[in-house]
Amino acid sequence: TMYLQMNSLKPEDTAMYYCAAGFLSPGSGT
């Protein structure tokens, strides 16, 4: 499980939030 603790929330934080997982790309490091 991964978590996102969100404090001092602002109206501009309003959005749909998505989690994602994968592997580092060889060479690019992304």
PDB file of all heavy atoms in Angstrom:
ATOM      1  N   THR A   1       0.826  -1.195   0.000  1.00  0.00           N
ATOM      2  CA  THR A   1       0.000   0.000   0.000  1.00  0.00           C
ATOM      3  C   THR A   1       0.865   1.251   0.000  1.00  0.00           C
ATOM      4  O   THR A   1       1.875   1.320   0.700  1.00  0.00           O
ATOM      5  CB  THR A   1      -0.936   0.019   1.217  1.00  0.00           C
ATOM      6  OG1 THR A   1      -1.750  -1.160   1.211  1.00  0.00           O
ATOM      7  CG2 THR A   1      -1.839   1.236   1.188  1.00  0.00           C
ATOM      8  N   MET A   2       0.464   2.231  -0.798  1.00  0.00           N
ATOM      9  CA  MET A   2       1.120   3.519  -0.848  1.00  0.00           C
ATOM     10  C   MET A   2       0.153   4.567  -0.315  1.00  0.00           C
ATOM     11  O   MET A   2      -1.065   4.440  -0.465  1.00  0.00           O
ATOM     12  CB  MET A   2       1.521   3.848  -2.293  1.00  0.00           C
ATOM     13  CG  MET A   2       2.206   5.183  -2.470  1.00  0.00           C
ATOM     14  SD  MET A   2       2.789   5.430  -4.178  1.00  0.00           S
ATOM     15  CE  MET A   2       1.234   5.473  -5.074  1.00  0.00           C
ATOM     16  N   TYR A   3       0.695   5.620   0.292  1.00  0.00           N
ATOM     17  CA  TYR A   3      -0.135   6.639   0.909  1.00  0.00           C
ATOM     18  C   TYR A   3       0.258   8.035   0.442  1.00  0.00           C
ATOM     19  O   TYR A   3       1.397   8.283   0.047  1.00  0.00           O
ATOM     20  CB  TYR A   3      -0.004   6.591   2.436  1.00  0.00           C
ATOM     21  CG  TYR A   3      -0.289   5.243   3.037  1.00  0.00           C
ATOM     22  CD1 TYR A   3       0.747   4.356   3.309  1.00  0.00           C
ATOM     23  CD2 TYR A   3      -1.590   4.853   3.327  1.00  0.00           C
ATOM     24  CE1 TYR A   3       0.497   3.114   3.860  1.00  0.00           C
ATOM     25  CE2 TYR A   3      -1.849   3.612   3.877  1.00  0.00           C
ATOM     26  CZ  TYR A   3      -0.811   2.748   4.142  1.00  0.00           C
ATOM     27  OH  TYR A   3      -1.058   1.513   4.687  1.00  0.00           O
ATOM     28  N   LEU A   4      -0.697   8.930   0.506  1.00  0.00           N
ATOM     29  CA  LEU A   4      -0.436  10.340   0.275  1.00  0.00           C
ATOM     30  C   LEU A   4      -1.106  11.120   1.394  1.00  0.00           C
ATOM     31  O   LEU A   4      -2.335  11.230   1.429  1.00  0.00           O
ATOM     32  CB  LEU A   4      -0.968  10.797  -1.089  1.00  0.00           C
ATOM     33  CG  LEU A   4      -0.736  12.274  -1.409  1.00  0.00           C
ATOM     34  CD1 LEU A   4       0.757  12.582  -1.492  1.00  0.00           C
ATOM     35  CD2 LEU A   4      -1.427  12.659  -2.715  1.00  0.00           C
ATOM     36  N   GLN A   5      -0.302  11.631   2.309  1.00  0.00           N
ATOM     37  CA  GLN A   5      -0.810  12.476   3.378  1.00  0.00           C
ATOM     38  C   GLN A   5      -0.876  13.907   2.868  1.00  0.00           C
ATOM     39  O   GLN A   5       0.136  14.460   2.441  1.00  0.00           O
ATOM     40  CB  GLN A   5       0.095  12.397   4.611  1.00  0.00           C
ATOM     41  CG  GLN A   5      -0.361  13.254   5.783  1.00  0.00           C
ATOM     42  CD  GLN A   5      -1.678  12.799   6.356  1.00  0.00           C
ATOM     43  OE1 GLN A   5      -1.875  11.612   6.609  1.00  0.00           O
ATOM     44  NE2 GLN A   5      -2.602  13.735   6.561  1.00  0.00           N
ATOM     45  N   MET A   6      -2.056  14.490   2.908  1.00  0.00           N
ATOM     46  CA  MET A   6      -2.292  15.813   2.364  1.00  0.00           C
ATOM     47  C   MET A   6      -2.725  16.745   3.493  1.00  0.00           C
ATOM     48  O   MET A   6      -3.799  16.570   4.066  1.00  0.00           O
ATOM     49  CB  MET A   6      -3.366  15.766   1.279  1.00  0.00           C
ATOM     50  CG  MET A   6      -3.113  14.692   0.221  1.00  0.00           C
ATOM     51  SD  MET A   6      -4.563  14.355  -0.807  1.00  0.00           S
ATOM     52  CE  MET A   6      -4.666  15.877  -1.731  1.00  0.00           C
ATOM     53  N   ASN A   7      -1.879  17.710   3.817  1.00  0.00           N
ATOM     54  CA  ASN A   7      -2.169  18.671   4.873  1.00  0.00           C
ATOM     55  C   ASN A   7      -2.280  20.075   4.293  1.00  0.00           C
ATOM     56  O   ASN A   7      -1.807  20.348   3.197  1.00  0.00           O
ATOM     57  CB  ASN A   7      -1.073  18.646   5.944  1.00  0.00           C
ATOM     58  CG  ASN A   7      -0.954  17.318   6.643  1.00  0.00           C
ATOM     59  OD1 ASN A   7      -1.941  16.618   6.844  1.00  0.00           O
ATOM     60  ND2 ASN A   7       0.266  16.954   7.039  1.00  0.00           N
ATOM     61  N   SER A   8      -2.885  20.963   5.059  1.00  0.00           N
ATOM     62  CA  SER A   8      -3.045  22.361   4.648  1.00  0.00           C
ATOM     63  C   SER A   8      -3.608  22.465   3.239  1.00  0.00           C
ATOM     64  O   SER A   8      -3.104  23.204   2.394  1.00  0.00           O
ATOM     65  CB  SER A   8      -1.700  23.093   4.744  1.00  0.00           C
ATOM     66  OG  SER A   8      -1.181  23.043   6.056  1.00  0.00           O
ATOM     67  N   LEU A   9      -4.661  21.724   2.994  1.00  0.00           N
ATOM     68  CA  LEU A   9      -5.242  21.662   1.654  1.00  0.00           C
ATOM     69  C   LEU A   9      -5.780  23.013   1.203  1.00  0.00           C
ATOM     70  O   LEU A   9      -6.306  23.792   2.006  1.00  0.00           O
ATOM     71  CB  LEU A   9      -6.346  20.610   1.612  1.00  0.00           C
ATOM     72  CG  LEU A   9      -5.841  19.167   1.558  1.00  0.00           C
ATOM     73  CD1 LEU A   9      -6.950  18.194   1.929  1.00  0.00           C
ATOM     74  CD2 LEU A   9      -5.302  18.847   0.168  1.00  0.00           C
ATOM     75  N   LYS A  10      -5.624  23.272  -0.085  1.00  0.00           N
ATOM     76  CA  LYS A  10      -6.071  24.503  -0.705  1.00  0.00           C
ATOM     77  C   LYS A  10      -7.087  24.193  -1.796  1.00  0.00           C
ATOM     78  O   LYS A  10      -7.083  23.095  -2.350  1.00  0.00           O
ATOM     79  CB  LYS A  10      -4.879  25.245  -1.326  1.00  0.00           C
ATOM     80  CG  LYS A  10      -3.747  25.553  -0.358  1.00  0.00           C
ATOM     81  CD  LYS A  10      -2.574  26.187  -1.088  1.00  0.00           C
ATOM     82  CE  LYS A  10      -1.434  26.492  -0.139  1.00  0.00           C
ATOM     83  NZ  LYS A  10      -0.279  27.093  -0.856  1.00  0.00           N
ATOM     84  N   PRO A  11      -7.954  25.147  -2.134  1.00  0.00           N
ATOM     85  CA  PRO A  11      -8.924  24.901  -3.214  1.00  0.00           C
ATOM     86  C   PRO A  11      -8.269  24.462  -4.513  1.00  0.00           C
ATOM     87  O   PRO A  11      -8.850  23.652  -5.246  1.00  0.00           O
ATOM     88  CB  PRO A  11      -9.617  26.258  -3.366  1.00  0.00           C
ATOM     89  CG  PRO A  11      -9.552  26.852  -1.999  1.00  0.00           C
ATOM     90  CD  PRO A  11      -8.198  26.440  -1.473  1.00  0.00           C
ATOM     91  N   GLU A  12      -7.071  24.953  -4.808  1.00  0.00           N
ATOM     92  CA  GLU A  12      -6.384  24.573  -6.028  1.00  0.00           C
ATOM     93  C   GLU A  12      -5.894  23.127  -6.025  1.00  0.00           C
ATOM     94  O   GLU A  12      -5.415  22.634  -7.042  1.00  0.00           O
ATOM     95  CB  GLU A  12      -5.211  25.522  -6.329  1.00  0.00           C
ATOM     96  CG  GLU A  12      -4.278  25.743  -5.147  1.00  0.00           C
ATOM     97  CD  GLU A  12      -4.599  27.010  -4.380  1.00  0.00           C
ATOM     98  OE1 GLU A  12      -5.796  27.255  -4.116  1.00  0.00           O
ATOM     99  OE2 GLU A  12      -3.656  27.760  -4.048  1.00  0.00           O
ATOM    100  N   ASP A  13      -5.994  22.444  -4.880  1.00  0.00           N
ATOM    101  CA  ASP A  13      -5.662  21.024  -4.813  1.00  0.00           C
ATOM    102  C   ASP A  13      -6.814  20.157  -5.301  1.00  0.00           C
ATOM    103  O   ASP A  13      -6.654  18.943  -5.440  1.00  0.00           O
ATOM    104  CB  ASP A  13      -5.306  20.613  -3.381  1.00  0.00           C
ATOM    105  CG  ASP A  13      -4.030  21.268  -2.878  1.00  0.00           C
ATOM    106  OD1 ASP A  13      -3.060  21.370  -3.660  1.00  0.00           O
ATOM    107  OD2 ASP A  13      -4.003  21.667  -1.699  1.00  0.00           O
ATOM    108  N   THR A  14      -7.962  20.758  -5.547  1.00  0.00           N
ATOM    109  CA  THR A  14      -9.124  20.015  -6.017  1.00  0.00           C
ATOM    110  C   THR A  14      -8.816  19.345  -7.356  1.00  0.00           C
ATOM    111  O   THR A  14      -8.430  20.006  -8.319  1.00  0.00           O
ATOM    112  CB  THR A  14     -10.331  20.944  -6.166  1.00  0.00           C
ATOM    113  OG1 THR A  14     -10.694  21.461  -4.881  1.00  0.00           O
ATOM    114  CG2 THR A  14     -11.519  20.192  -6.753  1.00  0.00           C
ATOM    115  N   ALA A  15      -8.971  18.032  -7.403  1.00  0.00           N
ATOM    116  CA  ALA A  15      -8.655  17.264  -8.606  1.00  0.00           C
ATOM    117  C   ALA A  15      -8.990  15.801  -8.375  1.00  0.00           C
ATOM    118  O   ALA A  15      -9.296  15.380  -7.257  1.00  0.00           O
ATOM    119  CB  ALA A  15      -7.170  17.396  -8.959  1.00  0.00           C
ATOM    120  N   MET A  16      -8.938  15.043  -9.456  1.00  0.00           N
ATOM    121  CA  MET A  16      -8.975  13.596  -9.348  1.00  0.00           C
ATOM    122  C   MET A  16      -7.540  13.121  -9.139  1.00  0.00           C
ATOM    123  O   MET A  16      -6.648  13.497  -9.909  1.00  0.00           O
ATOM    124  CB  MET A  16      -9.576  12.972 -10.608  1.00  0.00           C
ATOM    125  CG  MET A  16      -9.743  11.458 -10.527  1.00  0.00           C
ATOM    126  SD  MET A  16     -11.088  10.958  -9.420  1.00  0.00           S
ATOM    127  CE  MET A  16     -12.515  11.412 -10.423  1.00  0.00           C
ATOM    128  N   TYR A  17      -7.329  12.323  -8.122  1.00  0.00           N
ATOM    129  CA  TYR A  17      -5.995  11.848  -7.790  1.00  0.00           C
ATOM    130  C   TYR A  17      -5.847  10.383  -8.179  1.00  0.00           C
ATOM    131  O   TYR A  17      -6.705   9.554  -7.871  1.00  0.00           O
ATOM    132  CB  TYR A  17      -5.720  12.017  -6.294  1.00  0.00           C
ATOM    133  CG  TYR A  17      -5.405  13.443  -5.911  1.00  0.00           C
ATOM    134  CD1 TYR A  17      -6.410  14.407  -5.908  1.00  0.00           C
ATOM    135  CD2 TYR A  17      -4.109  13.825  -5.577  1.00  0.00           C
ATOM    136  CE1 TYR A  17      -6.126  15.720  -5.583  1.00  0.00           C
ATOM    137  CE2 TYR A  17      -3.821  15.132  -5.244  1.00  0.00           C
ATOM    138  CZ  TYR A  17      -4.829  16.077  -5.247  1.00  0.00           C
ATOM    139  OH  TYR A  17      -4.543  17.380  -4.918  1.00  0.00           O
ATOM    140  N   TYR A  18      -4.742  10.064  -8.854  1.00  0.00           N
ATOM    141  CA  TYR A  18      -4.467   8.729  -9.343  1.00  0.00           C
ATOM    142  C   TYR A  18      -3.134   8.231  -8.793  1.00  0.00           C
ATOM    143  O   TYR A  18      -2.168   8.981  -8.714  1.00  0.00           O
ATOM    144  CB  TYR A  18      -4.373   8.703 -10.871  1.00  0.00           C
ATOM    145  CG  TYR A  18      -5.593   9.201 -11.597  1.00  0.00           C
ATOM    146  CD1 TYR A  18      -5.742  10.545 -11.897  1.00  0.00           C
ATOM    147  CD2 TYR A  18      -6.591   8.319 -11.996  1.00  0.00           C
ATOM    148  CE1 TYR A  18      -6.858  10.999 -12.572  1.00  0.00           C
ATOM    149  CE2 TYR A  18      -7.707   8.765 -12.673  1.00  0.00           C
ATOM    150  CZ  TYR A  18      -7.838  10.112 -12.960  1.00  0.00           C
ATOM    151  OH  TYR A  18      -8.939  10.561 -13.632  1.00  0.00           O
ATOM    152  N   CYS A  19      -3.071   6.960  -8.440  1.00  0.00           N
ATOM    153  CA  CYS A  19      -1.798   6.360  -8.107  1.00  0.00           C
ATOM    154  C   CYS A  19      -1.313   5.538  -9.293  1.00  0.00           C
ATOM    155  O   CYS A  19      -2.106   5.075 -10.117  1.00  0.00           O
ATOM    156  CB  CYS A  19      -1.880   5.495  -6.841  1.00  0.00           C
ATOM    157  SG  CYS A  19      -2.972   4.061  -6.942  1.00  0.00           S
ATOM    158  N   ALA A  20       0.005   5.381  -9.393  1.00  0.00           N
ATOM    159  CA  ALA A  20       0.597   4.674 -10.516  1.00  0.00           C
ATOM    160  C   ALA A  20       1.861   3.949 -10.063  1.00  0.00           C
ATOM    161  O   ALA A  20       2.522   4.365  -9.109  1.00  0.00           O
ATOM    162  CB  ALA A  20       0.930   5.641 -11.649  1.00  0.00           C
ATOM    163  N   ALA A  21       2.198   2.869 -10.766  1.00  0.00           N
ATOM    164  CA  ALA A  21       3.392   2.095 -10.462  1.00  0.00           C
ATOM    165  C   ALA A  21       3.984   1.540 -11.745  1.00  0.00           C
ATOM    166  O   ALA A  21       3.264   1.290 -12.713  1.00  0.00           O
ATOM    167  CB  ALA A  21       3.075   0.955  -9.496  1.00  0.00           C
ATOM    168  N   GLY A  22       5.294   1.340 -11.751  1.00  0.00           N
ATOM    169  CA  GLY A  22       5.960   0.790 -12.916  1.00  0.00           C
ATOM    170  C   GLY A  22       7.432   0.569 -12.658  1.00  0.00           C
ATOM    171  O   GLY A  22       7.861   0.434 -11.515  1.00  0.00           O
ATOM    172  N   PHE A  23       8.196   0.525 -13.741  1.00  0.00           N
ATOM    173  CA  PHE A  23       9.638   0.301 -13.661  1.00  0.00           C
ATOM    174  C   PHE A  23      10.386   1.457 -14.296  1.00  0.00           C
ATOM    175  O   PHE A  23       9.883   2.124 -15.206  1.00  0.00           O
ATOM    176  CB  PHE A  23      10.029  -0.997 -14.374  1.00  0.00           C
ATOM    177  CG  PHE A  23       9.513  -2.248 -13.738  1.00  0.00           C
ATOM    178  CD1 PHE A  23       8.418  -2.906 -14.265  1.00  0.00           C
ATOM    179  CD2 PHE A  23      10.126  -2.769 -12.613  1.00  0.00           C
ATOM    180  CE1 PHE A  23       7.938  -4.063 -13.688  1.00  0.00           C
ATOM    181  CE2 PHE A  23       9.655  -3.928 -12.018  1.00  0.00           C
ATOM    182  CZ  PHE A  23       8.558  -4.573 -12.561  1.00  0.00           C
ATOM    183  N   LEU A  24      11.597   1.680 -13.834  1.00  0.00           N
ATOM    184  CA  LEU A  24      12.449   2.690 -14.430  1.00  0.00           C
ATOM    185  C   LEU A  24      12.792   2.304 -15.861  1.00  0.00           C
ATOM    186  O   LEU A  24      13.061   1.145 -16.154  1.00  0.00           O
ATOM    187  CB  LEU A  24      13.730   2.862 -13.631  1.00  0.00           C
ATOM    188  CG  LEU A  24      13.627   3.544 -12.277  1.00  0.00           C
ATOM    189  CD1 LEU A  24      14.977   3.515 -11.575  1.00  0.00           C
ATOM    190  CD2 LEU A  24      13.151   4.981 -12.433  1.00  0.00           C
ATOM    191  N   SER A  25      12.786   3.281 -16.751  1.00  0.00           N
ATOM    192  CA  SER A  25      13.157   3.057 -18.137  1.00  0.00           C
ATOM    193  C   SER A  25      14.676   3.044 -18.262  1.00  0.00           C
ATOM    194  O   SER A  25      15.334   3.984 -17.808  1.00  0.00           O
ATOM    195  CB  SER A  25      12.578   4.152 -19.029  1.00  0.00           C
ATOM    196  OG  SER A  25      13.003   3.989 -20.365  1.00  0.00           O
ATOM    197  N   PRO A  26      15.243   1.976 -18.868  1.00  0.00           N
ATOM    198  CA  PRO A  26      16.699   1.938 -19.041  1.00  0.00           C
ATOM    199  C   PRO A  26      17.186   3.134 -19.848  1.00  0.00           C
ATOM    200  O   PRO A  26      16.612   3.494 -20.862  1.00  0.00           O
ATOM    201  CB  PRO A  26      16.932   0.629 -19.808  1.00  0.00           C
ATOM    202  CG  PRO A  26      15.750  -0.211 -19.477  1.00  0.00           C
ATOM    203  CD  PRO A  26      14.607   0.756 -19.385  1.00  0.00           C
ATOM    204  N   GLY A  27      18.256   3.727 -19.380  1.00  0.00           N
ATOM    205  CA  GLY A  27      18.852   4.852 -20.090  1.00  0.00           C
ATOM    206  C   GLY A  27      18.329   6.193 -19.635  1.00  0.00           C
ATOM    207  O   GLY A  27      19.106   7.058 -19.222  1.00  0.00           O
ATOM    208  N   SER A  28      17.022   6.373 -19.719  1.00  0.00           N
ATOM    209  CA  SER A  28      16.437   7.666 -19.372  1.00  0.00           C
ATOM    210  C   SER A  28      16.364   7.884 -17.870  1.00  0.00           C
ATOM    211  O   SER A  28      16.438   9.022 -17.400  1.00  0.00           O
ATOM    212  CB  SER A  28      15.041   7.806 -19.988  1.00  0.00           C
ATOM    213  OG  SER A  28      14.124   6.911 -19.385  1.00  0.00           O
ATOM    214  N   GLY A  29      16.200   6.792 -17.133  1.00  0.00           N
ATOM    215  CA  GLY A  29      16.081   6.906 -15.693  1.00  0.00           C
ATOM    216  C   GLY A  29      14.718   7.372 -15.224  1.00  0.00           C
ATOM    217  O   GLY A  29      14.530   7.624 -14.031  1.00  0.00           O
ATOM    218  N   THR A  30      13.771   7.487 -16.139  1.00  0.00           N
ATOM    219  CA  THR A  30      12.420   7.901 -15.792  1.00  0.00           C
ATOM    220  C   THR A  30      11.530   6.687 -15.620  1.00  0.00           C
ATOM    221  O   THR A  30      11.783   5.625 -16.181  1.00  0.00           O
ATOM    222  CB  THR A  30      11.828   8.832 -16.856  1.00  0.00           C
ATOM    223  OG1 THR A  30      11.782   8.147 -18.115  1.00  0.00           O
ATOM    224  CG2 THR A  30      12.676  10.087 -17.000  1.00  0.00           C
TER     225      THR A  30
END
